[in-house]
N, C-alpha and C. Protein backbone atom coordinates (compact mmCIF):
# COMPACT_ATOMS: atom_id res chain seq x y z
N MET A 1 4.11 13.72 -12.25
CA MET A 1 4.15 13.52 -10.83
C MET A 1 4.99 12.28 -10.53
N ALA A 2 5.80 12.39 -9.50
CA ALA A 2 6.71 11.30 -9.15
C ALA A 2 5.95 10.03 -8.74
N ALA A 3 4.83 10.17 -8.05
CA ALA A 3 4.07 8.99 -7.62
C ALA A 3 3.56 8.20 -8.82
N ALA A 4 3.08 8.88 -9.84
CA ALA A 4 2.62 8.19 -11.05
C ALA A 4 3.77 7.51 -11.76
N ARG A 5 4.91 8.18 -11.80
CA ARG A 5 6.10 7.60 -12.45
C ARG A 5 6.55 6.34 -11.70
N ARG A 6 6.58 6.41 -10.36
CA ARG A 6 7.00 5.25 -9.58
C ARG A 6 6.00 4.11 -9.69
N THR A 7 4.71 4.43 -9.79
CA THR A 7 3.70 3.39 -10.00
C THR A 7 3.98 2.65 -11.31
N ALA A 8 4.30 3.40 -12.35
CA ALA A 8 4.63 2.78 -13.63
C ALA A 8 5.89 1.93 -13.52
N GLU A 9 6.90 2.45 -12.84
CA GLU A 9 8.17 1.71 -12.71
C GLU A 9 8.00 0.44 -11.88
N GLU A 10 7.27 0.51 -10.79
CA GLU A 10 7.18 -0.63 -9.88
C GLU A 10 6.05 -1.60 -10.21
N LEU A 11 4.92 -1.08 -10.71
CA LEU A 11 3.78 -1.94 -11.01
C LEU A 11 3.55 -2.16 -12.50
N GLY A 12 4.29 -1.45 -13.35
CA GLY A 12 4.16 -1.65 -14.79
C GLY A 12 2.85 -1.15 -15.36
N LEU A 13 2.25 -0.14 -14.74
CA LEU A 13 1.01 0.43 -15.27
C LEU A 13 0.89 1.89 -14.81
N ALA A 14 0.05 2.61 -15.51
CA ALA A 14 -0.22 4.00 -15.13
C ALA A 14 -1.55 4.04 -14.38
N PRO A 15 -1.60 4.74 -13.26
CA PRO A 15 -2.87 4.83 -12.55
C PRO A 15 -3.87 5.66 -13.35
N ALA A 16 -5.13 5.21 -13.35
CA ALA A 16 -6.19 5.97 -14.01
C ALA A 16 -6.54 7.19 -13.17
N LEU A 17 -6.36 7.09 -11.88
CA LEU A 17 -6.64 8.18 -10.95
C LEU A 17 -5.70 8.01 -9.77
N LEU A 18 -5.11 9.09 -9.30
CA LEU A 18 -4.17 9.01 -8.19
C LEU A 18 -4.39 10.23 -7.30
N ARG A 19 -4.54 9.99 -6.01
CA ARG A 19 -4.78 11.08 -5.05
C ARG A 19 -3.81 10.95 -3.88
N GLU A 20 -3.36 12.09 -3.40
CA GLU A 20 -2.53 12.11 -2.21
C GLU A 20 -3.38 11.75 -0.99
N ALA A 21 -2.87 10.85 -0.15
CA ALA A 21 -3.62 10.41 1.03
C ALA A 21 -3.03 10.97 2.33
N GLY A 22 -1.82 11.48 2.27
CA GLY A 22 -1.19 12.03 3.47
C GLY A 22 0.25 11.60 3.56
N THR A 23 0.82 11.80 4.74
CA THR A 23 2.20 11.39 4.99
C THR A 23 2.24 10.51 6.21
N VAL A 24 3.25 9.66 6.24
CA VAL A 24 3.44 8.74 7.34
C VAL A 24 4.90 8.79 7.75
N ARG A 25 5.11 8.90 9.03
CA ARG A 25 6.47 8.79 9.57
C ARG A 25 6.45 7.67 10.59
N TYR A 26 7.36 6.74 10.44
CA TYR A 26 7.38 5.63 11.39
C TYR A 26 8.81 5.26 11.75
N ASN A 27 8.91 4.57 12.86
CA ASN A 27 10.18 4.12 13.39
C ASN A 27 9.93 2.72 13.93
N HIS A 28 10.36 1.69 13.18
CA HIS A 28 10.07 0.30 13.56
C HIS A 28 11.38 -0.46 13.77
N PRO A 29 11.68 -0.83 15.00
CA PRO A 29 12.88 -1.64 15.25
C PRO A 29 12.65 -3.09 14.83
N ASP A 30 13.72 -3.70 14.35
CA ASP A 30 13.69 -5.12 13.99
C ASP A 30 14.35 -5.88 15.14
N PRO A 31 13.56 -6.64 15.89
CA PRO A 31 14.12 -7.35 17.05
C PRO A 31 15.23 -8.33 16.67
N ALA A 32 15.15 -8.91 15.48
CA ALA A 32 16.15 -9.91 15.09
C ALA A 32 17.52 -9.29 14.85
N SER A 33 17.56 -8.14 14.18
CA SER A 33 18.85 -7.54 13.83
C SER A 33 19.24 -6.37 14.74
N GLY A 34 18.26 -5.81 15.43
CA GLY A 34 18.54 -4.63 16.24
C GLY A 34 18.55 -3.34 15.42
N LEU A 35 18.37 -3.46 14.11
CA LEU A 35 18.34 -2.27 13.25
C LEU A 35 16.96 -1.62 13.34
N VAL A 36 16.91 -0.35 13.01
CA VAL A 36 15.66 0.40 13.06
C VAL A 36 15.37 0.96 11.67
N GLU A 37 14.17 0.68 11.18
CA GLU A 37 13.73 1.27 9.91
C GLU A 37 12.98 2.54 10.26
N GLN A 38 13.48 3.64 9.76
CA GLN A 38 12.87 4.94 10.02
C GLN A 38 12.56 5.59 8.67
N GLU A 39 11.30 5.88 8.44
CA GLU A 39 10.87 6.37 7.13
C GLU A 39 9.94 7.56 7.28
N TYR A 40 9.91 8.38 6.25
CA TYR A 40 8.94 9.44 6.07
C TYR A 40 8.41 9.26 4.66
N ASN A 41 7.14 8.88 4.54
CA ASN A 41 6.57 8.55 3.24
C ASN A 41 5.37 9.42 2.90
N HIS A 42 5.30 9.79 1.64
CA HIS A 42 4.10 10.40 1.10
C HIS A 42 3.24 9.26 0.58
N VAL A 43 1.99 9.17 1.01
CA VAL A 43 1.11 8.06 0.67
C VAL A 43 0.10 8.52 -0.37
N PHE A 44 -0.09 7.70 -1.41
CA PHE A 44 -1.05 7.96 -2.47
C PHE A 44 -1.94 6.74 -2.62
N ALA A 45 -3.17 6.97 -3.05
CA ALA A 45 -4.09 5.88 -3.36
C ALA A 45 -4.69 6.18 -4.72
N GLY A 46 -5.01 5.14 -5.46
CA GLY A 46 -5.55 5.38 -6.79
C GLY A 46 -6.32 4.20 -7.34
N LEU A 47 -6.72 4.37 -8.56
CA LEU A 47 -7.44 3.33 -9.29
C LEU A 47 -6.63 2.96 -10.52
N VAL A 48 -6.69 1.68 -10.88
CA VAL A 48 -6.01 1.20 -12.08
C VAL A 48 -7.01 0.45 -12.95
N ARG A 49 -6.75 0.44 -14.23
CA ARG A 49 -7.63 -0.28 -15.16
C ARG A 49 -6.92 -1.42 -15.87
N ALA A 50 -5.62 -1.50 -15.71
CA ALA A 50 -4.83 -2.53 -16.37
C ALA A 50 -4.35 -3.55 -15.35
N THR A 51 -3.91 -4.69 -15.83
CA THR A 51 -3.35 -5.71 -14.96
C THR A 51 -1.92 -5.33 -14.60
N PRO A 52 -1.61 -5.28 -13.31
CA PRO A 52 -0.24 -4.93 -12.91
C PRO A 52 0.77 -5.95 -13.43
N ARG A 53 1.93 -5.45 -13.77
CA ARG A 53 3.08 -6.26 -14.15
C ARG A 53 4.25 -5.83 -13.25
N PRO A 54 4.24 -6.27 -11.99
CA PRO A 54 5.21 -5.76 -11.03
C PRO A 54 6.65 -6.09 -11.39
N ASP A 55 7.53 -5.15 -11.08
CA ASP A 55 8.97 -5.35 -11.23
C ASP A 55 9.42 -6.29 -10.11
N PRO A 56 9.92 -7.47 -10.43
CA PRO A 56 10.30 -8.44 -9.39
C PRO A 56 11.43 -7.95 -8.49
N GLU A 57 12.18 -6.96 -8.93
CA GLU A 57 13.22 -6.38 -8.07
C GLU A 57 12.61 -5.50 -6.97
N GLU A 58 11.37 -5.06 -7.17
CA GLU A 58 10.71 -4.16 -6.23
C GLU A 58 9.59 -4.84 -5.44
N ILE A 59 8.85 -5.74 -6.11
CA ILE A 59 7.64 -6.31 -5.53
C ILE A 59 7.66 -7.82 -5.72
N CYS A 60 7.51 -8.57 -4.60
CA CYS A 60 7.55 -10.02 -4.73
C CYS A 60 6.17 -10.61 -4.98
N ASP A 61 5.09 -9.92 -4.57
CA ASP A 61 3.76 -10.48 -4.75
C ASP A 61 2.72 -9.37 -4.63
N ILE A 62 1.61 -9.54 -5.32
CA ILE A 62 0.49 -8.61 -5.21
C ILE A 62 -0.79 -9.42 -5.06
N ALA A 63 -1.83 -8.77 -4.53
CA ALA A 63 -3.13 -9.42 -4.41
C ALA A 63 -4.20 -8.34 -4.39
N PHE A 64 -5.30 -8.61 -5.07
CA PHE A 64 -6.48 -7.77 -4.98
C PHE A 64 -7.42 -8.46 -4.01
N VAL A 65 -7.74 -7.78 -2.91
CA VAL A 65 -8.56 -8.38 -1.86
C VAL A 65 -9.63 -7.40 -1.40
N THR A 66 -10.69 -7.96 -0.87
CA THR A 66 -11.72 -7.15 -0.24
C THR A 66 -11.24 -6.81 1.19
N PRO A 67 -11.90 -5.86 1.85
CA PRO A 67 -11.52 -5.59 3.24
C PRO A 67 -11.63 -6.83 4.13
N ASP A 68 -12.66 -7.64 3.95
CA ASP A 68 -12.80 -8.86 4.75
C ASP A 68 -11.67 -9.85 4.47
N GLU A 69 -11.31 -9.98 3.20
CA GLU A 69 -10.20 -10.88 2.85
C GLU A 69 -8.88 -10.39 3.45
N LEU A 70 -8.69 -9.08 3.44
CA LEU A 70 -7.48 -8.52 4.04
C LEU A 70 -7.45 -8.79 5.54
N ASP A 71 -8.57 -8.60 6.22
CA ASP A 71 -8.63 -8.90 7.66
C ASP A 71 -8.26 -10.35 7.93
N LYS A 72 -8.75 -11.27 7.10
CA LYS A 72 -8.41 -12.69 7.27
C LYS A 72 -6.92 -12.92 7.04
N LEU A 73 -6.36 -12.30 6.00
CA LEU A 73 -4.92 -12.44 5.76
C LEU A 73 -4.10 -11.91 6.93
N LEU A 74 -4.50 -10.78 7.47
CA LEU A 74 -3.79 -10.21 8.61
C LEU A 74 -3.84 -11.14 9.82
N ARG A 75 -4.95 -11.85 9.99
CA ARG A 75 -5.09 -12.80 11.11
C ARG A 75 -4.32 -14.10 10.87
N ASP A 76 -4.41 -14.62 9.63
CA ASP A 76 -3.99 -16.00 9.36
C ASP A 76 -2.67 -16.17 8.63
N ALA A 77 -2.24 -15.18 7.88
CA ALA A 77 -1.09 -15.39 6.98
C ALA A 77 0.25 -15.06 7.61
N GLY A 78 0.26 -14.72 8.86
CA GLY A 78 1.51 -14.36 9.48
C GLY A 78 1.78 -12.88 9.36
N PRO A 79 2.92 -12.45 9.81
CA PRO A 79 3.18 -11.01 9.88
C PRO A 79 3.36 -10.36 8.51
N PHE A 80 2.77 -9.20 8.37
CA PHE A 80 3.05 -8.31 7.24
C PHE A 80 4.22 -7.44 7.68
N SER A 81 4.68 -6.58 6.82
CA SER A 81 5.75 -5.67 7.23
C SER A 81 5.26 -4.83 8.40
N ALA A 82 6.19 -4.37 9.20
CA ALA A 82 5.84 -3.62 10.41
C ALA A 82 5.09 -2.34 10.09
N TRP A 83 5.34 -1.78 8.93
CA TRP A 83 4.73 -0.49 8.58
C TRP A 83 3.43 -0.62 7.79
N PHE A 84 3.02 -1.82 7.40
CA PHE A 84 1.87 -2.00 6.51
C PHE A 84 0.60 -1.34 7.03
N LEU A 85 0.22 -1.64 8.26
CA LEU A 85 -1.03 -1.09 8.79
C LEU A 85 -0.95 0.42 9.00
N THR A 86 0.22 0.93 9.32
CA THR A 86 0.39 2.38 9.45
C THR A 86 0.08 3.06 8.14
N VAL A 87 0.62 2.53 7.05
CA VAL A 87 0.39 3.11 5.73
C VAL A 87 -1.06 2.88 5.29
N LEU A 88 -1.58 1.67 5.50
CA LEU A 88 -2.96 1.38 5.11
C LEU A 88 -3.95 2.30 5.82
N ASP A 89 -3.76 2.51 7.12
CA ASP A 89 -4.67 3.37 7.87
C ASP A 89 -4.63 4.81 7.34
N THR A 90 -3.50 5.25 6.87
CA THR A 90 -3.38 6.59 6.28
C THR A 90 -4.11 6.64 4.94
N ALA A 91 -4.04 5.57 4.17
CA ALA A 91 -4.64 5.54 2.83
C ALA A 91 -6.15 5.30 2.87
N ARG A 92 -6.67 4.66 3.91
CA ARG A 92 -8.09 4.25 3.95
C ARG A 92 -9.08 5.36 3.61
N PRO A 93 -8.98 6.58 4.15
CA PRO A 93 -9.98 7.60 3.81
C PRO A 93 -10.03 7.90 2.31
N VAL A 94 -8.90 7.94 1.64
CA VAL A 94 -8.90 8.21 0.20
C VAL A 94 -9.38 6.99 -0.56
N VAL A 95 -9.04 5.80 -0.11
CA VAL A 95 -9.54 4.58 -0.75
C VAL A 95 -11.07 4.57 -0.65
N ARG A 96 -11.61 4.92 0.52
CA ARG A 96 -13.07 4.99 0.68
C ARG A 96 -13.67 6.00 -0.29
N GLU A 97 -13.02 7.15 -0.42
CA GLU A 97 -13.52 8.19 -1.32
C GLU A 97 -13.50 7.71 -2.76
N LEU A 98 -12.47 7.01 -3.17
CA LEU A 98 -12.33 6.56 -4.56
C LEU A 98 -13.23 5.37 -4.89
N THR A 99 -13.47 4.50 -3.90
CA THR A 99 -14.22 3.27 -4.18
C THR A 99 -15.65 3.32 -3.71
N GLY A 100 -15.98 4.30 -2.89
CA GLY A 100 -17.31 4.39 -2.32
C GLY A 100 -17.35 3.73 -0.95
N SER A 101 -18.10 4.29 -0.05
CA SER A 101 -18.11 3.79 1.32
C SER A 101 -18.65 2.36 1.41
N ALA A 102 -19.43 1.94 0.42
CA ALA A 102 -20.00 0.59 0.44
C ALA A 102 -18.93 -0.48 0.28
N ALA A 103 -17.75 -0.09 -0.19
CA ALA A 103 -16.69 -1.07 -0.40
C ALA A 103 -16.11 -1.58 0.92
N GLY A 104 -16.35 -0.88 2.03
CA GLY A 104 -15.90 -1.38 3.32
C GLY A 104 -14.52 -0.99 3.75
N TRP A 105 -13.81 -0.20 3.01
CA TRP A 105 -12.46 0.19 3.40
C TRP A 105 -12.50 1.25 4.46
């Protein structure tokens, strides 16, 4: 599956479990440049058992956070990418299914 292959390429690990979460189409203009990012993405969520080794050409930083910690980051750390919450909201139901509803996602 392409999603598992890309996970290995970008995060340096194989997912222990990977599920399709849906698709997202978005159109986000960048006020600074006037350019518009328009994407159609297939979203997957999964579980990993190894420590990620992200490809620095693809990923500048990673973090494992609880839902409360993520809410705080969204409030305090400044803007995330314009599409982050769109993708996260699509993935949440599968994340809940994989981690259990008690996890708060």
